[in-house]
N, C-alpha and C. Protein backbone atom coordinates (compact mmCIF):
# COMPACT_ATOMS: atom_id res chain seq x y z
N LYS A 1 -162.24 -4.24 -3.56
CA LYS A 1 -163.58 -4.78 -3.42
C LYS A 1 -164.37 -3.91 -2.46
N THR A 2 -165.62 -3.71 -2.77
CA THR A 2 -166.46 -2.97 -1.84
C THR A 2 -167.77 -3.72 -1.67
N SER A 3 -168.38 -3.53 -0.53
CA SER A 3 -169.64 -4.18 -0.21
C SER A 3 -170.38 -3.30 0.77
N GLU A 4 -171.69 -3.38 0.75
CA GLU A 4 -172.46 -2.71 1.79
C GLU A 4 -173.14 -3.79 2.60
N THR A 5 -172.62 -4.05 3.76
CA THR A 5 -173.15 -5.04 4.68
C THR A 5 -173.79 -4.30 5.83
N VAL A 6 -175.02 -4.63 6.14
CA VAL A 6 -175.74 -3.90 7.17
C VAL A 6 -176.10 -4.82 8.31
N ALA A 7 -175.80 -4.41 9.52
CA ALA A 7 -176.26 -5.11 10.70
C ALA A 7 -177.46 -4.33 11.21
N ALA A 8 -178.63 -4.95 11.22
CA ALA A 8 -179.86 -4.26 11.59
C ALA A 8 -180.32 -4.71 12.97
N PRO A 9 -181.20 -3.94 13.61
CA PRO A 9 -181.72 -4.35 14.92
C PRO A 9 -182.37 -5.73 14.87
N VAL A 10 -182.26 -6.47 15.93
CA VAL A 10 -182.81 -7.82 15.99
C VAL A 10 -183.68 -7.99 17.22
N GLU A 11 -184.58 -8.96 17.19
CA GLU A 11 -185.47 -9.21 18.32
C GLU A 11 -184.91 -10.24 19.28
N SER A 12 -184.06 -11.15 18.80
CA SER A 12 -183.50 -12.16 19.69
C SER A 12 -182.03 -12.35 19.38
N PHE A 13 -181.29 -12.74 20.39
CA PHE A 13 -179.85 -12.94 20.26
C PHE A 13 -179.52 -14.35 20.69
N PRO A 14 -178.41 -14.90 20.20
CA PRO A 14 -178.01 -16.24 20.62
C PRO A 14 -177.65 -16.25 22.10
N SER A 15 -177.97 -17.35 22.76
CA SER A 15 -177.63 -17.45 24.17
C SER A 15 -176.35 -18.23 24.39
N SER A 16 -175.80 -18.81 23.34
CA SER A 16 -174.62 -19.66 23.47
C SER A 16 -173.34 -18.87 23.70
N GLY A 17 -173.34 -17.59 23.44
CA GLY A 17 -172.13 -16.79 23.57
C GLY A 17 -171.18 -16.97 22.41
N GLU A 18 -171.65 -17.55 21.31
CA GLU A 18 -170.81 -17.77 20.14
C GLU A 18 -171.14 -16.75 19.05
N LEU A 19 -170.16 -16.49 18.20
CA LEU A 19 -170.36 -15.64 17.04
C LEU A 19 -171.25 -16.36 16.04
N TRP A 20 -172.22 -15.66 15.49
CA TRP A 20 -172.97 -16.24 14.38
C TRP A 20 -173.43 -15.16 13.45
N VAL A 21 -173.57 -15.54 12.19
CA VAL A 21 -173.93 -14.62 11.13
C VAL A 21 -175.28 -15.05 10.57
N GLU A 22 -176.21 -14.13 10.54
CA GLU A 22 -177.54 -14.37 9.99
C GLU A 22 -177.61 -13.68 8.63
N LEU A 23 -177.59 -14.45 7.56
CA LEU A 23 -177.63 -13.90 6.21
C LEU A 23 -179.06 -13.52 5.87
N LEU A 24 -179.30 -12.26 5.58
CA LEU A 24 -180.63 -11.76 5.25
C LEU A 24 -180.85 -11.71 3.75
N HIS A 25 -179.77 -11.47 3.01
CA HIS A 25 -179.84 -11.40 1.54
C HIS A 25 -178.46 -11.71 0.98
N SER A 26 -178.41 -12.60 0.02
CA SER A 26 -177.14 -12.93 -0.62
C SER A 26 -176.90 -12.00 -1.79
N GLY A 27 -175.72 -11.40 -1.81
CA GLY A 27 -175.35 -10.53 -2.92
C GLY A 27 -174.85 -11.31 -4.12
N GLY A 28 -174.58 -12.62 -3.91
CA GLY A 28 -174.16 -13.48 -5.01
C GLY A 28 -172.78 -13.17 -5.55
N ALA A 29 -171.97 -12.48 -4.78
CA ALA A 29 -170.64 -12.08 -5.28
C ALA A 29 -169.55 -12.84 -4.54
N ALA A 30 -168.32 -12.46 -4.84
CA ALA A 30 -167.14 -13.12 -4.27
C ALA A 30 -167.13 -13.05 -2.75
N PRO A 31 -166.59 -14.08 -2.09
CA PRO A 31 -166.46 -14.05 -0.64
C PRO A 31 -165.49 -12.96 -0.18
N ILE A 32 -165.74 -12.45 1.02
CA ILE A 32 -164.86 -11.46 1.62
C ILE A 32 -163.73 -12.19 2.33
N SER A 33 -162.51 -11.68 2.19
CA SER A 33 -161.34 -12.28 2.81
C SER A 33 -160.58 -11.24 3.62
N ARG A 34 -159.75 -11.72 4.56
CA ARG A 34 -158.88 -10.81 5.31
C ARG A 34 -158.06 -10.01 4.30
N GLY A 35 -157.91 -8.73 4.55
CA GLY A 35 -157.15 -7.86 3.66
C GLY A 35 -158.02 -7.13 2.65
N ASP A 36 -159.26 -7.60 2.43
CA ASP A 36 -160.18 -6.91 1.52
C ASP A 36 -160.65 -5.61 2.17
N GLU A 37 -160.84 -4.60 1.37
CA GLU A 37 -161.43 -3.36 1.87
C GLU A 37 -162.91 -3.39 1.52
N VAL A 38 -163.74 -3.17 2.54
CA VAL A 38 -165.19 -3.19 2.34
C VAL A 38 -165.80 -1.92 2.90
N GLU A 39 -166.98 -1.59 2.41
CA GLU A 39 -167.77 -0.50 2.97
C GLU A 39 -169.00 -1.12 3.59
N LEU A 40 -169.37 -0.64 4.78
CA LEU A 40 -170.51 -1.22 5.45
C LEU A 40 -171.20 -0.22 6.35
N HIS A 41 -172.49 -0.41 6.49
CA HIS A 41 -173.25 0.28 7.53
C HIS A 41 -173.41 -0.71 8.66
N TYR A 42 -173.46 -0.22 9.88
CA TYR A 42 -173.58 -1.11 11.02
C TYR A 42 -174.41 -0.45 12.11
N ALA A 43 -174.94 -1.28 12.98
CA ALA A 43 -175.58 -0.83 14.22
C ALA A 43 -175.10 -1.77 15.30
N CYS A 44 -174.56 -1.23 16.37
CA CYS A 44 -174.06 -2.03 17.48
C CYS A 44 -175.09 -1.97 18.61
N LEU A 45 -175.72 -3.13 18.88
CA LEU A 45 -176.77 -3.21 19.89
C LEU A 45 -176.33 -4.08 21.05
N LEU A 46 -176.73 -3.71 22.25
CA LEU A 46 -176.47 -4.55 23.42
C LEU A 46 -177.46 -5.70 23.41
N ALA A 47 -176.99 -6.90 23.71
CA ALA A 47 -177.80 -8.11 23.60
C ALA A 47 -179.04 -8.09 24.50
N ARG A 48 -178.87 -7.77 25.75
CA ARG A 48 -180.00 -7.87 26.69
C ARG A 48 -181.05 -6.79 26.51
N SER A 49 -180.61 -5.59 26.18
CA SER A 49 -181.55 -4.46 26.12
C SER A 49 -181.89 -4.03 24.70
N ALA A 50 -181.12 -4.49 23.72
CA ALA A 50 -181.24 -4.05 22.32
C ALA A 50 -181.03 -2.55 22.19
N CYS A 51 -180.36 -1.95 23.18
CA CYS A 51 -180.03 -0.53 23.15
C CYS A 51 -178.91 -0.31 22.13
N CYS A 52 -179.09 0.65 21.26
CA CYS A 52 -178.08 0.95 20.24
C CYS A 52 -176.97 1.79 20.84
N MET A 53 -175.75 1.21 20.90
CA MET A 53 -174.58 1.94 21.42
C MET A 53 -173.89 2.76 20.35
N ASP A 54 -173.99 2.31 19.10
CA ASP A 54 -173.26 2.95 18.02
C ASP A 54 -173.92 2.56 16.70
N SER A 55 -173.87 3.46 15.74
CA SER A 55 -174.44 3.17 14.43
C SER A 55 -173.81 4.09 13.40
N SER A 56 -173.51 3.56 12.23
CA SER A 56 -172.94 4.38 11.17
C SER A 56 -173.97 5.34 10.58
N ARG A 57 -175.24 5.07 10.81
CA ARG A 57 -176.29 5.91 10.23
C ARG A 57 -176.79 7.00 11.17
N SER A 58 -176.40 6.96 12.45
CA SER A 58 -177.00 7.92 13.38
C SER A 58 -175.99 8.71 14.21
N LYS A 59 -174.73 8.68 13.86
CA LYS A 59 -173.74 9.46 14.60
C LYS A 59 -173.97 10.94 14.33
N PRO A 60 -174.00 11.75 15.39
CA PRO A 60 -174.24 13.18 15.20
C PRO A 60 -173.22 13.85 14.29
N CYS A 61 -171.97 13.43 14.36
CA CYS A 61 -170.93 14.07 13.56
C CYS A 61 -170.69 13.33 12.24
N SER A 62 -171.48 12.29 11.95
CA SER A 62 -171.28 11.47 10.76
C SER A 62 -172.02 12.05 9.56
N ARG A 63 -171.50 11.75 8.40
CA ARG A 63 -172.21 12.11 7.17
C ARG A 63 -173.18 10.99 6.80
N ARG A 64 -173.29 9.99 7.69
CA ARG A 64 -174.17 8.84 7.52
C ARG A 64 -173.83 8.04 6.26
N GLU A 65 -172.54 8.01 5.98
CA GLU A 65 -172.03 7.21 4.87
C GLU A 65 -171.48 5.91 5.43
N PRO A 66 -171.35 4.89 4.59
CA PRO A 66 -170.80 3.63 5.08
C PRO A 66 -169.38 3.79 5.59
N MET A 67 -169.03 2.95 6.56
CA MET A 67 -167.66 2.92 7.08
C MET A 67 -166.83 2.07 6.12
N ARG A 68 -165.63 2.52 5.83
CA ARG A 68 -164.70 1.76 4.98
C ARG A 68 -163.67 1.14 5.90
N VAL A 69 -163.45 -0.18 5.76
CA VAL A 69 -162.54 -0.88 6.65
C VAL A 69 -161.82 -2.00 5.90
N GLU A 70 -160.56 -2.22 6.26
CA GLU A 70 -159.83 -3.37 5.75
C GLU A 70 -160.10 -4.53 6.69
N VAL A 71 -160.68 -5.60 6.17
CA VAL A 71 -161.05 -6.76 6.99
C VAL A 71 -159.79 -7.39 7.57
N GLY A 72 -159.82 -7.61 8.89
CA GLY A 72 -158.68 -8.21 9.58
C GLY A 72 -157.65 -7.21 10.07
N SER A 73 -157.90 -5.92 9.86
CA SER A 73 -156.92 -4.90 10.26
C SER A 73 -157.03 -4.51 11.73
N GLY A 74 -158.09 -4.96 12.41
CA GLY A 74 -158.28 -4.59 13.80
C GLY A 74 -159.00 -3.27 13.97
N ARG A 75 -159.48 -2.68 12.90
CA ARG A 75 -160.19 -1.39 12.99
C ARG A 75 -161.60 -1.56 13.57
N VAL A 76 -162.14 -2.76 13.47
CA VAL A 76 -163.43 -3.08 14.07
C VAL A 76 -163.20 -4.19 15.10
N VAL A 77 -164.20 -4.45 15.94
CA VAL A 77 -164.03 -5.50 16.95
C VAL A 77 -163.76 -6.84 16.27
N GLU A 78 -163.10 -7.72 16.99
CA GLU A 78 -162.70 -9.02 16.45
C GLU A 78 -163.89 -9.80 15.88
N GLY A 79 -165.01 -9.77 16.57
CA GLY A 79 -166.19 -10.49 16.10
C GLY A 79 -166.69 -9.99 14.75
N MET A 80 -166.61 -8.69 14.52
CA MET A 80 -167.02 -8.13 13.23
C MET A 80 -166.06 -8.59 12.14
N ASP A 81 -164.75 -8.55 12.40
CA ASP A 81 -163.77 -9.05 11.42
C ASP A 81 -164.07 -10.50 11.05
N ARG A 82 -164.29 -11.34 12.06
CA ARG A 82 -164.57 -12.76 11.81
C ARG A 82 -165.88 -12.94 11.06
N GLY A 83 -166.89 -12.19 11.45
CA GLY A 83 -168.19 -12.28 10.78
C GLY A 83 -168.14 -11.86 9.33
N LEU A 84 -167.42 -10.79 9.04
CA LEU A 84 -167.31 -10.32 7.66
C LEU A 84 -166.70 -11.39 6.76
N CYS A 85 -165.76 -12.17 7.30
CA CYS A 85 -165.12 -13.23 6.51
C CYS A 85 -166.07 -14.39 6.19
N GLN A 86 -167.24 -14.39 6.79
CA GLN A 86 -168.24 -15.42 6.49
C GLN A 86 -169.25 -14.94 5.45
N LEU A 87 -169.06 -13.73 4.95
CA LEU A 87 -169.99 -13.13 4.00
C LEU A 87 -169.37 -12.96 2.64
N GLY A 88 -170.21 -12.64 1.67
CA GLY A 88 -169.76 -12.29 0.34
C GLY A 88 -170.05 -10.83 0.07
N LEU A 89 -169.42 -10.28 -0.96
CA LEU A 89 -169.65 -8.89 -1.33
C LEU A 89 -171.12 -8.71 -1.68
N GLY A 90 -171.72 -7.65 -1.16
CA GLY A 90 -173.11 -7.35 -1.44
C GLY A 90 -174.11 -8.03 -0.53
N ASP A 91 -173.63 -8.91 0.37
CA ASP A 91 -174.54 -9.58 1.29
C ASP A 91 -175.12 -8.59 2.30
N LEU A 92 -176.32 -8.88 2.75
CA LEU A 92 -176.97 -8.14 3.83
C LEU A 92 -177.09 -9.12 4.98
N ALA A 93 -176.55 -8.77 6.15
CA ALA A 93 -176.49 -9.74 7.25
C ALA A 93 -176.56 -9.06 8.60
N ARG A 94 -176.90 -9.86 9.61
CA ARG A 94 -176.76 -9.49 11.01
C ARG A 94 -175.62 -10.34 11.55
N ILE A 95 -174.66 -9.70 12.16
CA ILE A 95 -173.55 -10.42 12.78
C ILE A 95 -173.73 -10.30 14.28
N HIS A 96 -173.97 -11.42 14.93
CA HIS A 96 -174.19 -11.46 16.37
C HIS A 96 -172.84 -11.75 17.03
N VAL A 97 -172.31 -10.76 17.73
CA VAL A 97 -170.97 -10.84 18.30
C VAL A 97 -171.06 -11.00 19.82
N PRO A 98 -170.50 -12.10 20.37
CA PRO A 98 -170.50 -12.24 21.83
C PRO A 98 -169.56 -11.20 22.45
N ALA A 99 -169.83 -10.87 23.70
CA ALA A 99 -169.06 -9.82 24.40
C ALA A 99 -167.55 -10.06 24.31
N ARG A 100 -167.11 -11.31 24.44
CA ARG A 100 -165.68 -11.59 24.46
C ARG A 100 -165.00 -11.26 23.12
N LEU A 101 -165.78 -11.18 22.03
CA LEU A 101 -165.23 -10.80 20.73
C LEU A 101 -165.64 -9.38 20.34
N GLY A 102 -166.26 -8.68 21.29
CA GLY A 102 -166.69 -7.31 21.06
C GLY A 102 -165.95 -6.36 21.97
N TYR A 103 -166.71 -5.70 22.82
CA TYR A 103 -166.14 -4.70 23.72
C TYR A 103 -165.90 -5.23 25.13
N GLY A 104 -166.16 -6.51 25.36
CA GLY A 104 -165.92 -7.10 26.66
C GLY A 104 -167.20 -7.30 27.46
N ASP A 105 -167.11 -8.09 28.51
CA ASP A 105 -168.27 -8.44 29.32
C ASP A 105 -168.92 -7.25 30.01
N GLU A 106 -168.16 -6.21 30.30
CA GLU A 106 -168.73 -5.07 31.02
C GLU A 106 -169.76 -4.33 30.17
N LEU A 107 -169.73 -4.50 28.85
CA LEU A 107 -170.71 -3.86 27.97
C LEU A 107 -171.65 -4.88 27.35
N ALA A 108 -171.79 -6.04 27.97
CA ALA A 108 -172.61 -7.11 27.40
C ALA A 108 -174.10 -6.81 27.49
N GLY A 109 -174.49 -5.79 28.19
CA GLY A 109 -175.90 -5.41 28.22
C GLY A 109 -176.50 -5.73 29.52
């Protein structure tokens, strides 16, 4: 299974510290499950500053192609794995990941 799921810049973030998924467009396809291989573009932004720490589209050494990942394999932060499991193939979404499910409180912004 493949999907292109994009996390785009946002103007506001949840204050609850909980993971949440904002569906921007439904692809109308099968749900994503642990073990599925998906392709996705992403942008990792710090909550307080909206500063982009990482992006699949802007890495200097990247071919700017989607990242391919097996969901649940630990190749992405835990919050991304959990968020992907709330989406379907072809969905376009923003996954808001709290620091504790991302890179930790020291990078919370």
